[in-house]
Amino acid sequence: MVYQSGQTVGVGVAAGQNTMLQVAGGEPVKPTTTTTSLQPGNTGANNTSKTKPATNPPHTTQLPAGINRTTITDLVTTTTTTDKTEYYPGEAASIQVSFRYDDAAYQEVQDIQSNQDSYTVKINFNVQLPAGFTISNETLNRGPFTRDCTNQRACMADGFEYSYNQQSRTLTGSFPTPTPHYKDGGEYQLFEELNITGTVTGTPNTSHTVRTTADGLLDFIYFDLKTNSRVNDVQEYFTATSSQATFRVVPRKTVLKASFQPVGLTEGQVVVSGNVVCTFPGGQPSRKTLMFTLKHNQLANGRWDRVLHDMVDAGSDCVITIVKGAVPAGWRWKTLDRITQTESNITTPRTSTIRLEVEKIPVEVSTETTTPTPTVAAGQPVQVISTIKASGYEARNIPVTIQLPKNGFVKTPATVNSICQATGRAICPAQWVYNANSHTVTATIPQIPAGGSIKVTVKGRAGFFAENSRSFTATTSAVFTDANQNNNTSRASFNVTNKRVTVSLIVKPEGEHPASGVVTVSGSINCVTPFKHNATFTYTLNYAALVNGAGAPQVIHQIVWAGSNCTVTVRNRAAPNGWEFKGATQSTYQLQQVWYLLH
């Protein structure tokens, strides 16, 4: 058939159906595909003319003029396709093989016969299936053709044959054209299409190729016009153009999640980072970088669920590495080690449980009490220094009590104005308060950061007592809940020494007095240190023995403790003959803090 100038060609192809090409204004013809051809291996005539051959005479036993192994090269081409180019393991797949006339070669055979002659075409095919494809029972039972060949005997009677070799994985068979082709007969030159269904069984990340080869037989049938009977057949074999299709087996994708479970956390948020590396056997690693801010107020059922990798090749092994980051102020990770977990053979969505263990940083408060002078004399200045420290984390609102020793530490004006020094951003209390009833100095320290300290110095005077020496202890207590309560209280001791002194009485006459004679007085001495002790005495003054206008000193108490407060009472008893006492008969004298010999 010759195409007319200006004619258009329209192609309509439906999957699984025979296809045709309709030329406008003419008879329908078979569509064609242009591919690389294989040279035929037949032994036909060698006429290579491409011109329209003349009408053959009746009863010929030769091929039509112009038909030979060269002119029918690429008469039929094959096309092999798959319904997809990528499959998951176990996924259903179908392979389609179509057979088409080549447009140029078809011109030589479509209308070269006489009115009474015709030709038929038989196609033999061989489809080599790859190892990654398992043919379905449906194809084996029903056949690969568009028609149902469950009844293979009926199909074979019509020229449709097929067989499958399981060892070589080859599907072979043959089929004819549905009707003979007559000159200008208008028959549709239709070819069968193969549909091979099955399952992809290849290993992921591998490619597989389906290859189709085919050959055929061109059978020319001649009739005798006089007898209207079939005279003879002339046949020519040809090799069809081969084709192939390649598909790739890819892993199924699945999801790896993490269920982060906090242990110990009651507030704030934690930050973790890291990565997840998933490797499919025989494949390249797939890495995902991770960064999560996990807030305590966003916990769901006591955990945080997060996606680690949403494109994991099914069957992969994944290594999860979690790096611990920021935690709330006052908290710390229980261990600083990275968290590494391995999830093996992930075939379906999987959730890995990851424990995030944190703890409150233990706040450690300690006190230290010292006295700069280990030994001090009674009545001398004395100091108690208390140092309060914090470690681990910042301590807040720390009540502190400094217990001063009674008798050994006496309040002075400086005691109510204790000196406070802060280090390491610690904050001194607004005031340290002295309580006379409890003999304590107290305050609440607002803040001591870790590594900081508060040092308070309390000044006073060493007390008095009825002993040569005594040891006194000052105590510092911080009322604070921490891990180690043993160092919240500290003590320091200091020694106070004391001594005895003698009190003597000197009587000096005033006014007019005799040049000789004796006057006698008596009395008592009462001392408090703060304990009480006393003594009585009698003093005799000899006017004839005055020295510098006064009588000689006379000891009235020999065991007065230094620092005592004493009251001396003198009473008139007897005056010289002819003389009498003038004024009061009793005199009182106060002695404050007796330190040394008094007269």
Protein backbone atom coordinates (compact mmCIF):
# COMPACT_ATOMS: atom_id res chain seq x y z
CA MET A 1 0.00 0.00 0.00
CA VAL A 2 1.28 3.48 -0.82
CA TYR A 3 0.55 6.39 1.51
CA GLN A 4 -1.12 9.42 -0.07
CA SER A 5 0.35 12.85 0.45
CA GLY A 6 -1.28 14.71 3.30
CA GLN A 7 -2.65 11.61 5.01
CA THR A 8 -2.37 11.40 8.83
CA VAL A 9 -1.72 8.36 10.93
CA GLY A 10 -3.41 7.85 14.33
CA VAL A 11 -2.36 5.18 16.81
CA GLY A 12 -4.55 3.89 19.63
CA VAL A 13 -3.09 1.28 21.98
CA ALA A 14 -4.95 -0.44 24.77
CA ALA A 15 -3.03 -2.62 27.25
CA GLY A 16 -3.51 -6.33 26.71
CA GLN A 17 -5.27 -5.83 23.33
CA ASN A 18 -4.20 -6.30 19.73
CA THR A 19 -3.40 -2.98 18.11
CA MET A 20 -3.76 -1.67 14.58
CA LEU A 21 -2.77 1.41 12.65
CA GLN A 22 -5.49 3.07 10.54
CA VAL A 23 -4.46 5.07 7.48
CA ALA A 24 -7.01 7.72 6.61
CA GLY A 25 -8.74 6.93 3.32
CA GLY A 26 -7.25 3.45 3.05
CA GLU A 27 -7.30 0.04 4.57
CA PRO A 28 -6.09 -0.55 8.15
CA VAL A 29 -2.51 -1.77 8.48
CA LYS A 30 -0.40 -3.08 11.38
CA PRO A 31 1.51 -0.40 13.45
CA THR A 32 5.29 -0.58 13.32
CA THR A 33 8.25 -0.08 15.67
CA THR A 34 11.70 0.92 14.46
CA THR A 35 14.50 -0.93 16.29
CA THR A 36 17.85 -2.54 15.46
CA SER A 37 17.29 -5.67 13.40
CA LEU A 38 18.90 -9.10 13.15
CA GLN A 39 19.66 -10.41 9.66
CA PRO A 40 17.41 -13.30 8.64
CA GLY A 41 18.92 -16.69 8.11
CA ASN A 42 16.70 -18.03 5.37
CA THR A 43 17.48 -19.11 1.81
CA GLY A 44 14.91 -17.22 -0.22
CA ALA A 45 15.34 -15.54 -3.58
CA ASN A 46 17.81 -12.71 -3.92
CA ASN A 47 15.73 -10.15 -5.70
CA THR A 48 16.45 -6.95 -3.76
CA SER A 49 14.29 -4.61 -5.81
CA LYS A 50 12.15 -2.29 -3.71
CA THR A 51 9.77 -1.56 -6.57
CA LYS A 52 6.26 -2.88 -6.66
CA PRO A 53 6.44 -6.36 -8.12
CA ALA A 54 4.35 -7.49 -11.05
CA THR A 55 1.42 -9.81 -10.67
CA ASN A 56 2.59 -13.39 -10.40
CA PRO A 57 1.34 -15.86 -12.94
CA PRO A 58 -0.84 -18.72 -11.72
CA HIS A 59 0.60 -21.94 -10.52
CA THR A 60 3.96 -20.37 -9.58
CA THR A 61 6.06 -22.10 -6.97
CA GLN A 62 8.41 -19.21 -6.42
CA LEU A 63 8.35 -16.36 -3.91
CA PRO A 64 6.72 -13.22 -5.17
CA ALA A 65 9.05 -10.96 -7.01
CA GLY A 66 10.95 -8.65 -4.63
CA ILE A 67 10.67 -10.95 -1.62
CA ASN A 68 13.95 -12.34 -0.26
CA ARG A 69 15.92 -12.48 2.93
CA THR A 70 17.04 -8.90 2.41
CA THR A 71 13.72 -7.33 1.63
CA ILE A 72 11.98 -8.85 4.61
CA THR A 73 14.74 -8.06 7.08
CA ASP A 74 13.13 -6.50 10.15
CA LEU A 75 9.72 -7.56 8.92
CA VAL A 76 8.71 -8.06 12.56
CA THR A 77 10.13 -6.31 15.61
CA THR A 78 9.63 -7.18 19.26
CA THR A 79 9.18 -4.77 22.13
CA THR A 80 9.63 -5.89 25.74
CA THR A 81 8.39 -3.75 28.60
CA THR A 82 7.57 -4.05 32.29
CA ASP A 83 4.71 -2.30 34.02
CA LYS A 84 7.23 -0.57 36.33
CA THR A 85 10.93 0.10 36.34
CA GLU A 86 11.37 -0.44 40.08
CA TYR A 87 9.84 -3.08 42.32
CA TYR A 88 9.95 -4.02 45.95
CA PRO A 89 10.84 -7.59 46.84
CA GLY A 90 7.69 -9.70 46.68
CA GLU A 91 5.80 -7.16 44.60
CA ALA A 92 3.61 -8.32 41.71
CA ALA A 93 4.95 -7.48 38.26
CA SER A 94 3.95 -8.02 34.67
CA ILE A 95 6.05 -8.27 31.52
CA GLN A 96 4.55 -7.34 28.15
CA VAL A 97 5.98 -8.45 24.82
CA SER A 98 4.49 -7.03 21.63
CA PHE A 99 5.18 -7.91 17.98
CA ARG A 100 4.85 -5.34 15.16
CA TYR A 101 5.54 -5.07 11.45
CA ASP A 102 8.43 -2.92 10.50
CA ASP A 103 7.08 -0.15 8.31
CA ALA A 104 9.70 -0.35 5.55
CA ALA A 105 9.82 -4.14 5.30
CA TYR A 106 6.06 -4.40 5.39
CA GLN A 107 5.76 -2.38 2.19
CA GLU A 108 7.32 -5.30 0.33
CA VAL A 109 4.71 -7.88 1.33
CA GLN A 110 1.46 -6.05 1.86
CA ASP A 111 0.14 -6.02 -1.74
CA ILE A 112 2.47 -7.97 -3.97
CA GLN A 113 0.19 -10.91 -4.59
CA SER A 114 -2.42 -11.65 -7.13
CA ASN A 115 -6.05 -11.39 -6.31
CA GLN A 116 -6.40 -15.02 -5.55
CA ASP A 117 -3.14 -15.48 -3.52
CA SER A 118 -2.49 -14.83 0.18
CA TYR A 119 0.17 -15.27 2.85
CA THR A 120 0.28 -16.00 6.56
CA VAL A 121 2.89 -15.32 9.29
CA LYS A 122 3.84 -17.55 12.19
CA ILE A 123 5.89 -16.13 15.10
CA ASN A 124 8.15 -18.21 17.33
CA PHE A 125 9.21 -16.44 20.54
CA ASN A 126 11.68 -17.04 23.37
CA VAL A 127 11.43 -14.93 26.50
CA GLN A 128 14.35 -15.28 28.90
CA LEU A 129 13.14 -14.41 32.39
CA PRO A 130 15.68 -13.15 34.97
CA ALA A 131 16.46 -14.75 38.32
CA GLY A 132 14.72 -11.88 40.06
CA PHE A 133 11.32 -12.79 38.58
CA THR A 134 9.15 -15.79 39.39
CA ILE A 135 6.50 -16.54 36.80
CA SER A 136 2.95 -16.85 38.15
CA ASN A 137 0.84 -19.99 38.11
CA GLU A 138 -1.79 -17.97 36.31
CA THR A 139 0.54 -17.46 33.35
CA LEU A 140 1.63 -21.09 33.41
CA ASN A 141 -1.98 -22.31 33.44
CA ARG A 142 -3.74 -19.74 31.33
CA GLY A 143 -0.86 -18.94 29.01
CA PRO A 144 0.82 -15.66 28.10
CA PHE A 145 -1.57 -14.87 25.25
CA THR A 146 -4.52 -12.53 25.18
CA ARG A 147 -6.75 -15.55 24.71
CA ASP A 148 -7.28 -18.01 27.53
CA CYS A 149 -5.28 -21.16 26.86
CA THR A 150 -6.27 -23.09 29.92
CA ASN A 151 -7.46 -25.64 27.38
CA GLN A 152 -4.06 -26.01 25.75
CA ARG A 153 -5.26 -28.61 23.25
CA ALA A 154 -7.75 -26.17 21.78
CA CYS A 155 -5.11 -23.45 21.65
CA MET A 156 -2.60 -25.75 19.98
CA ALA A 157 -5.20 -26.61 17.34
CA ASP A 158 -5.33 -22.88 16.54
CA GLY A 159 -1.54 -22.59 16.45
CA PHE A 160 -1.05 -21.12 19.96
CA GLU A 161 1.62 -23.05 21.81
CA TYR A 162 3.80 -22.27 24.84
CA SER A 163 6.02 -24.00 27.42
CA TYR A 164 8.17 -22.95 30.34
CA ASN A 165 11.56 -24.40 31.29
CA GLN A 166 12.03 -23.87 35.01
CA GLN A 167 15.75 -24.58 34.96
CA SER A 168 16.64 -22.19 32.18
CA ARG A 169 13.82 -19.80 33.09
CA THR A 170 12.75 -19.50 29.48
CA LEU A 171 9.22 -19.12 28.17
CA THR A 172 8.92 -20.30 24.57
CA GLY A 173 6.01 -20.60 22.21
CA SER A 174 4.47 -19.63 18.89
CA PHE A 175 1.33 -18.12 17.42
CA PRO A 176 -0.01 -17.32 13.92
CA THR A 177 -1.62 -14.28 12.39
CA PRO A 178 -5.36 -14.63 12.84
CA THR A 179 -6.26 -14.68 9.09
CA PRO A 180 -4.45 -14.90 5.76
CA HIS A 181 -3.60 -11.67 3.97
CA TYR A 182 -5.04 -11.11 0.50
CA LYS A 183 -4.23 -8.39 -1.90
CA ASP A 184 -6.42 -5.46 -1.05
CA GLY A 185 -8.44 -7.80 1.09
CA GLY A 186 -8.59 -5.34 3.97
CA GLU A 187 -7.76 -7.91 6.62
CA TYR A 188 -6.17 -6.48 9.73
CA GLN A 189 -2.69 -7.86 10.08
CA LEU A 190 -2.87 -8.36 13.87
CA PHE A 191 -0.19 -9.87 16.05
CA GLU A 192 -0.54 -11.42 19.46
CA GLU A 193 0.73 -9.66 22.58
CA LEU A 194 2.21 -11.59 25.48
CA ASN A 195 1.45 -10.72 29.09
CA ILE A 196 3.61 -12.57 31.62
CA THR A 197 2.67 -12.03 35.23
CA GLY A 198 4.67 -12.99 38.29
CA THR A 199 6.42 -11.84 41.44
CA VAL A 200 9.69 -9.97 41.88
CA THR A 201 11.97 -12.11 44.03
CA GLY A 202 15.33 -10.45 43.47
CA THR A 203 17.62 -9.06 46.11
CA PRO A 204 17.17 -5.33 46.75
CA ASN A 205 19.55 -2.97 44.96
CA THR A 206 19.97 -5.36 42.01
CA SER A 207 18.92 -5.00 38.37
CA HIS A 208 17.34 -7.69 36.21
CA THR A 209 16.83 -7.91 32.47
CA VAL A 210 14.10 -9.64 30.46
CA ARG A 211 15.25 -10.59 26.94
CA THR A 212 13.01 -11.54 24.01
CA THR A 213 14.14 -13.15 20.78
CA ALA A 214 11.84 -14.29 17.97
CA ASP A 215 11.80 -15.63 14.44
CA GLY A 216 9.01 -16.37 12.01
CA LEU A 217 7.77 -18.05 8.88
CA LEU A 218 6.27 -16.13 5.95
CA ASP A 219 4.01 -18.57 4.09
CA PHE A 220 2.76 -17.61 0.60
CA ILE A 221 -0.32 -19.57 -0.59
CA TYR A 222 -1.17 -19.84 -4.30
CA PHE A 223 -4.47 -20.74 -5.93
CA ASP A 224 -5.26 -21.93 -9.47
CA LEU A 225 -7.83 -19.59 -10.93
CA LYS A 226 -9.09 -22.27 -13.32
CA THR A 227 -9.65 -24.90 -10.69
CA ASN A 228 -10.03 -22.47 -7.78
CA SER A 229 -7.88 -24.72 -5.68
CA ARG A 230 -4.72 -24.33 -3.61
CA VAL A 231 -1.76 -25.19 -5.76
CA ASN A 232 1.33 -24.82 -3.61
CA ASP A 233 2.97 -22.92 -0.73
CA VAL A 234 6.25 -21.06 -0.77
CA GLN A 235 7.77 -20.28 2.61
CA GLU A 236 10.48 -17.90 3.79
CA TYR A 237 11.92 -17.82 7.31
CA PHE A 238 13.05 -14.63 8.99
CA THR A 239 14.51 -13.54 12.32
CA ALA A 240 12.65 -10.84 14.21
CA THR A 241 14.26 -7.96 15.99
CA SER A 242 15.07 -8.84 19.60
CA SER A 243 14.32 -6.57 22.55
CA GLN A 244 14.83 -6.37 26.27
CA ALA A 245 13.58 -4.58 29.36
CA THR A 246 15.41 -3.97 32.62
CA PHE A 247 13.88 -3.43 36.03
CA ARG A 248 15.49 -2.80 39.38
CA VAL A 249 14.64 -4.31 42.73
CA VAL A 250 14.64 -1.67 45.43
CA PRO A 251 14.19 -2.14 49.16
CA ARG A 252 10.87 -1.32 50.69
CA LYS A 253 10.90 1.80 52.81
CA THR A 254 9.91 1.81 56.45
CA VAL A 255 10.18 4.13 59.44
CA LEU A 256 12.42 4.04 62.49
CA LYS A 257 11.16 6.02 65.49
CA ALA A 258 12.47 6.67 68.98
CA SER A 259 10.52 6.66 72.20
CA PHE A 260 12.55 8.90 74.48
CA GLN A 261 11.71 8.13 78.10
CA PRO A 262 12.93 10.62 80.72
CA VAL A 263 14.10 9.20 84.02
CA GLY A 264 14.20 11.61 86.94
CA LEU A 265 13.24 14.77 85.06
CA THR A 266 10.42 16.79 86.63
CA GLU A 267 10.77 20.16 84.91
CA GLY A 268 12.27 22.09 82.02
CA GLN A 269 13.65 20.50 78.89
CA VAL A 270 16.57 18.48 77.61
CA VAL A 271 18.33 18.72 74.25
CA VAL A 272 19.80 15.73 72.44
CA SER A 273 21.53 15.45 69.08
CA GLY A 274 23.27 12.73 67.13
CA ASN A 275 22.63 10.61 64.07
CA VAL A 276 21.17 7.36 62.82
CA VAL A 277 23.04 5.31 60.22
CA CYS A 278 21.06 2.60 58.41
CA THR A 279 22.76 0.04 56.20
CA PHE A 280 21.06 -2.48 53.96
CA PRO A 281 23.18 -5.62 53.45
CA GLY A 282 25.34 -5.02 50.41
CA GLY A 283 24.23 -1.39 50.14
CA GLN A 284 25.60 2.00 51.07
CA PRO A 285 24.89 3.51 54.51
CA SER A 286 22.11 6.07 54.82
CA ARG A 287 22.76 8.73 57.47
CA LYS A 288 20.31 11.09 59.16
CA THR A 289 21.35 13.89 61.51
CA LEU A 290 19.26 14.29 64.67
CA MET A 291 18.47 17.24 66.92
CA PHE A 292 15.57 17.24 69.38
CA THR A 293 14.45 19.64 72.09
CA LEU A 294 12.36 17.58 74.48
CA LYS A 295 10.15 19.59 76.82
CA HIS A 296 8.79 18.13 80.03
CA ASN A 297 5.40 19.80 79.54
CA GLN A 298 5.08 18.07 76.15
CA LEU A 299 5.41 14.54 77.42
CA ALA A 300 2.77 12.16 76.08
CA ASN A 301 2.17 9.09 78.22
CA GLY A 302 5.50 9.69 79.90
CA ARG A 303 7.58 9.78 76.72
CA TRP A 304 8.53 11.76 73.64
CA ASP A 305 7.98 9.96 70.32
CA ARG A 306 10.15 11.23 67.47
CA VAL A 307 10.90 10.02 63.92
CA LEU A 308 14.56 9.17 63.47
CA HIS A 309 14.53 8.01 59.83
CA ASP A 310 11.49 7.85 57.56
CA MET A 311 13.18 6.23 54.55
CA VAL A 312 14.77 3.10 55.98
CA ASP A 313 15.34 0.33 53.45
CA ALA A 314 13.42 -2.65 54.75
CA GLY A 315 15.87 -5.21 56.12
CA SER A 316 18.42 -2.61 57.16
CA ASP A 317 20.41 -2.52 60.37
CA CYS A 318 20.41 0.91 62.01
CA VAL A 319 22.83 2.31 64.58
CA ILE A 320 21.43 5.16 66.69
CA THR A 321 23.88 7.53 68.39
CA ILE A 322 22.51 10.09 70.87
CA VAL A 323 24.70 12.91 72.19
CA LYS A 324 23.47 14.45 75.43
CA GLY A 325 23.12 18.22 75.36
CA ALA A 326 21.63 20.94 77.53
CA VAL A 327 19.58 20.18 80.66
CA PRO A 328 17.62 22.50 82.97
CA ALA A 329 19.52 24.64 85.46
CA GLY A 330 20.24 22.60 88.54
CA TRP A 331 20.10 19.31 86.63
CA ARG A 332 22.71 17.07 85.08
CA TRP A 333 22.93 13.89 83.05
CA LYS A 334 23.35 10.87 85.25
CA THR A 335 26.14 9.77 82.91
CA LEU A 336 27.85 11.79 80.21
CA ASP A 337 28.40 8.81 77.93
CA ARG A 338 26.79 8.82 74.51
CA ILE A 339 23.84 6.52 74.01
CA THR A 340 24.36 3.98 71.22
CA GLN A 341 21.67 1.49 70.26
CA THR A 342 21.43 -0.90 67.32
CA GLU A 343 18.19 -1.98 65.68
CA SER A 344 18.69 -4.99 63.40
CA ASN A 345 16.73 -6.22 60.38
CA ILE A 346 14.10 -3.49 60.35
CA THR A 347 11.39 -4.80 58.02
CA THR A 348 8.37 -2.94 59.39
CA PRO A 349 7.93 0.36 61.26
CA ARG A 350 9.90 0.11 64.49
CA THR A 351 10.22 2.18 67.64
CA SER A 352 13.42 2.11 69.66
CA THR A 353 13.13 2.91 73.37
CA ILE A 354 15.83 5.32 74.57
CA ARG A 355 16.12 6.20 78.27
CA LEU A 356 17.28 9.71 79.13
CA GLU A 357 18.44 9.64 82.74
CA VAL A 358 18.95 12.95 84.51
CA GLU A 359 19.19 13.97 88.12
CA LYS A 360 19.15 17.05 90.28
CA ILE A 361 22.64 18.33 90.92
CA PRO A 362 23.20 17.69 94.64
CA VAL A 363 23.58 21.03 96.44
CA GLU A 364 26.16 20.65 99.16
CA VAL A 365 26.23 23.24 101.95
CA SER A 366 29.03 23.17 104.47
CA THR A 367 30.09 25.35 107.38
CA GLU A 368 33.45 26.05 108.96
CA THR A 369 33.97 27.73 112.33
CA THR A 370 37.30 29.19 113.40
CA THR A 371 38.74 31.42 116.13
CA PRO A 372 41.83 33.43 115.11
CA THR A 373 43.30 33.34 118.64
CA PRO A 374 43.28 29.86 120.11
CA THR A 375 44.06 31.19 123.60
CA VAL A 376 42.96 34.52 124.95
CA ALA A 377 43.05 36.10 128.40
CA ALA A 378 39.77 36.75 130.14
CA GLY A 379 38.44 40.14 129.27
CA GLN A 380 40.44 40.40 126.04
CA PRO A 381 38.88 40.71 122.55
CA VAL A 382 37.82 37.45 120.95
CA GLN A 383 36.44 36.60 117.45
CA VAL A 384 34.33 33.79 116.06
CA ILE A 385 34.50 33.42 112.23
CA SER A 386 31.87 31.32 110.44
CA THR A 387 32.27 30.41 106.75
CA ILE A 388 29.34 28.93 104.82
CA LYS A 389 30.07 27.36 101.40
CA ALA A 390 28.05 25.75 98.60
CA SER A 391 29.15 23.20 96.03
CA GLY A 392 27.49 21.21 93.28
CA TYR A 393 24.90 23.83 92.50
CA GLU A 394 23.58 27.12 93.80
CA ALA A 395 22.08 27.10 97.28
CA ARG A 396 19.34 29.56 98.18
CA ASN A 397 17.78 30.80 101.41
CA ILE A 398 20.12 29.15 103.88
CA PRO A 399 19.25 29.81 107.56
CA VAL A 400 22.42 30.10 109.66
CA THR A 401 22.79 30.21 113.44
CA ILE A 402 26.05 31.02 115.25
CA GLN A 403 25.87 29.87 118.84
CA LEU A 404 28.27 31.88 121.04
CA PRO A 405 29.57 30.25 124.24
CA LYS A 406 28.18 31.73 127.43
CA ASN A 407 30.81 33.02 129.92
CA GLY A 408 33.52 32.51 127.34
CA PHE A 409 32.18 35.11 124.86
CA VAL A 410 30.79 38.37 126.21
CA LYS A 411 28.70 40.70 124.01
CA THR A 412 30.16 44.06 123.11
CA PRO A 413 28.80 46.82 120.81
CA ALA A 414 30.68 45.14 117.94
CA THR A 415 28.73 41.93 118.48
CA VAL A 416 25.53 43.37 117.03
CA ASN A 417 27.36 44.58 113.92
CA SER A 418 28.88 41.40 112.56
CA ILE A 419 31.07 41.72 109.48
CA CYS A 420 29.98 39.75 106.36
CA GLN A 421 32.12 39.02 103.30
CA ALA A 422 30.88 37.25 100.13
CA THR A 423 32.81 35.48 97.37
CA GLY A 424 31.80 33.80 94.10
CA ARG A 425 28.66 35.93 93.58
CA ALA A 426 27.22 34.92 96.92
CA ILE A 427 24.93 37.47 98.59
CA CYS A 428 25.27 38.51 102.23
CA PRO A 429 22.15 38.83 104.35
CA ALA A 430 20.89 42.33 104.95
CA GLN A 431 21.69 41.94 108.68
CA TRP A 432 23.06 39.47 111.18
CA VAL A 433 20.89 39.63 114.31
CA TYR A 434 22.23 39.12 117.84
CA ASN A 435 19.78 37.58 120.33
CA ALA A 436 20.77 38.21 123.94
CA ASN A 437 18.46 35.51 125.34
CA SER A 438 19.90 32.71 123.24
CA HIS A 439 23.32 34.36 122.92
CA THR A 440 23.20 33.67 119.13
CA VAL A 441 23.79 35.53 115.89
CA THR A 442 21.39 34.49 113.10
CA ALA A 443 20.57 35.35 109.48
CA THR A 444 19.27 33.76 106.26
CA ILE A 445 21.74 33.83 103.38
CA PRO A 446 19.88 34.61 100.12
CA GLN A 447 22.24 32.88 97.70
CA ILE A 448 25.51 31.00 97.48
CA PRO A 449 26.44 29.79 93.97
CA ALA A 450 28.50 26.65 93.60
CA GLY A 451 32.02 27.56 94.63
CA GLY A 452 30.91 30.70 96.47
CA SER A 453 31.04 31.42 100.19
CA ILE A 454 29.85 33.72 102.95
CA LYS A 455 32.20 34.60 105.81
CA VAL A 456 30.83 36.35 108.91
CA THR A 457 33.02 37.61 111.77
CA VAL A 458 31.45 38.05 115.21
CA LYS A 459 33.47 40.10 117.74
CA GLY A 460 33.22 40.15 121.53
CA ARG A 461 35.27 39.84 124.70
CA ALA A 462 36.47 36.76 126.52
CA GLY A 463 34.42 36.15 129.64
CA PHE A 464 35.40 35.64 133.29
CA PHE A 465 35.14 32.57 135.44
CA ALA A 466 36.48 31.12 138.67
CA GLU A 467 39.14 28.94 137.09
CA ASN A 468 42.64 29.35 135.82
CA SER A 469 41.51 28.48 132.27
CA ARG A 470 38.56 27.12 130.38
CA SER A 471 37.78 25.95 126.86
CA PHE A 472 34.77 27.40 125.12
CA THR A 473 33.12 26.25 121.88
CA ALA A 474 31.32 28.28 119.25
CA THR A 475 28.98 26.44 116.84
CA THR A 476 27.80 27.34 113.32
CA SER A 477 24.70 25.56 111.97
CA ALA A 478 23.16 25.79 108.49
CA VAL A 479 19.65 24.39 108.32
CA PHE A 480 19.58 23.08 104.73
CA THR A 481 18.49 19.83 103.15
CA ASP A 482 21.39 18.38 101.20
CA ALA A 483 23.04 15.04 100.63
CA ASN A 484 25.57 15.35 103.44
CA GLN A 485 24.13 16.70 106.64
CA ASN A 486 27.29 15.97 108.60
CA ASN A 487 29.11 19.08 107.42
CA ASN A 488 26.19 21.47 107.89
CA THR A 489 27.33 22.08 111.45
CA SER A 490 30.86 22.98 112.54
CA ARG A 491 32.52 23.95 115.79
CA ALA A 492 35.61 25.77 116.99
CA SER A 493 37.03 25.95 120.51
CA PHE A 494 39.23 28.54 122.16
CA ASN A 495 40.85 28.72 125.58
CA VAL A 496 40.36 31.58 128.01
CA THR A 497 42.87 31.98 130.81
CA ASN A 498 42.18 33.67 134.18
CA LYS A 499 44.20 34.61 137.35
CA ARG A 500 43.77 35.46 141.03
CA VAL A 501 44.47 38.90 142.39
CA THR A 502 44.80 40.33 145.94
CA VAL A 503 42.74 43.21 147.26
CA SER A 504 44.40 45.34 149.98
CA LEU A 505 42.93 48.13 152.07
CA ILE A 506 44.77 51.36 152.87
CA VAL A 507 43.16 53.72 155.41
CA LYS A 508 44.03 57.38 155.21
CA PRO A 509 42.85 59.72 158.01
CA GLU A 510 41.15 62.92 156.95
CA GLY A 511 40.84 66.09 158.98
CA GLU A 512 42.15 66.53 162.51
CA HIS A 513 43.56 63.38 164.09
CA PRO A 514 45.81 62.57 167.09
CA ALA A 515 49.53 62.17 166.66
CA SER A 516 49.43 58.80 168.29
CA GLY A 517 46.94 56.22 169.16
CA VAL A 518 45.10 53.52 167.29
CA VAL A 519 41.83 53.51 165.37
CA THR A 520 40.14 50.26 164.40
CA VAL A 521 37.73 49.58 161.49
CA SER A 522 36.16 46.36 160.21
CA GLY A 523 34.33 45.39 157.07
CA SER A 524 33.66 42.99 154.28
CA ILE A 525 34.41 42.51 150.54
CA ASN A 526 31.83 40.92 148.23
CA CYS A 527 32.83 40.04 144.66
CA VAL A 528 30.95 38.74 141.59
CA THR A 529 32.79 37.10 138.64
CA PRO A 530 29.81 36.51 137.92
CA PHE A 531 29.78 33.97 140.70
CA LYS A 532 29.77 35.39 144.26
CA HIS A 533 32.53 35.16 146.84
CA ASN A 534 33.31 37.36 149.91
CA ALA A 535 35.58 37.89 152.90
CA THR A 536 35.62 39.95 156.12
CA PHE A 537 38.47 41.91 157.60
CA THR A 538 39.61 44.15 160.55
CA TYR A 539 42.05 46.98 159.99
CA THR A 540 44.02 48.86 162.74
CA LEU A 541 45.53 52.26 161.97
CA ASN A 542 48.44 53.53 164.16
CA TYR A 543 48.61 57.25 163.84
CA ALA A 544 52.21 57.24 165.01
CA ALA A 545 53.17 54.98 162.06
CA LEU A 546 51.58 56.88 159.17
CA VAL A 547 53.58 56.90 155.99
CA ASN A 548 52.78 59.72 153.64
CA GLY A 549 49.70 60.39 155.70
CA ALA A 550 48.28 56.89 155.35
CA GLY A 551 48.38 53.64 157.13
CA ALA A 552 50.17 50.57 155.82
CA PRO A 553 48.35 48.38 153.18
CA GLN A 554 46.49 45.39 154.59
CA VAL A 555 45.25 42.47 152.48
CA ILE A 556 41.52 42.08 152.87
CA HIS A 557 40.97 39.34 150.17
CA GLN A 558 43.55 37.06 148.66
CA ILE A 559 41.58 35.03 146.07
CA VAL A 560 39.70 37.50 143.96
CA TRP A 561 39.48 36.29 140.31
CA ALA A 562 40.63 38.81 137.79
CA GLY A 563 37.78 40.66 136.24
CA SER A 564 35.55 40.46 139.28
CA ASN A 565 33.31 43.29 140.38
CA CYS A 566 33.62 43.85 144.13
CA THR A 567 31.92 45.89 146.80
CA VAL A 568 34.03 46.88 149.85
CA THR A 569 32.19 47.94 153.02
CA VAL A 570 34.14 49.67 155.90
CA ARG A 571 32.60 50.17 159.34
CA ASN A 572 33.97 52.34 162.22
CA ARG A 573 34.68 50.38 165.40
CA ALA A 574 36.98 52.09 167.96
CA ALA A 575 38.64 55.55 168.12
CA PRO A 576 41.61 56.65 170.35
CA ASN A 577 40.83 57.88 173.84
CA GLY A 578 39.36 61.33 173.68
CA TRP A 579 38.58 61.06 170.01
CA GLU A 580 35.48 60.00 168.07
CA PHE A 581 34.53 59.25 164.47
CA LYS A 582 33.11 62.08 162.49
CA GLY A 583 30.42 61.59 159.93
CA ALA A 584 28.95 58.24 158.79
CA THR A 585 29.87 55.16 160.65
CA GLN A 586 30.04 53.05 157.45
CA SER A 587 31.53 53.64 153.99
CA THR A 588 31.06 51.62 150.74
CA TYR A 589 33.42 51.37 147.77
CA GLN A 590 32.83 49.70 144.35
CA LEU A 591 35.62 47.93 142.50
CA GLN A 592 34.93 47.17 138.80
CA GLN A 593 36.73 44.33 136.94
CA VAL A 594 39.54 43.77 139.29
CA TRP A 595 42.57 42.85 137.07
CA TYR A 596 45.48 43.36 139.39
CA LEU A 597 46.39 44.16 142.94
CA LEU A 598 44.14 46.85 144.31
CA HIS A 599 44.58 49.09 147.30
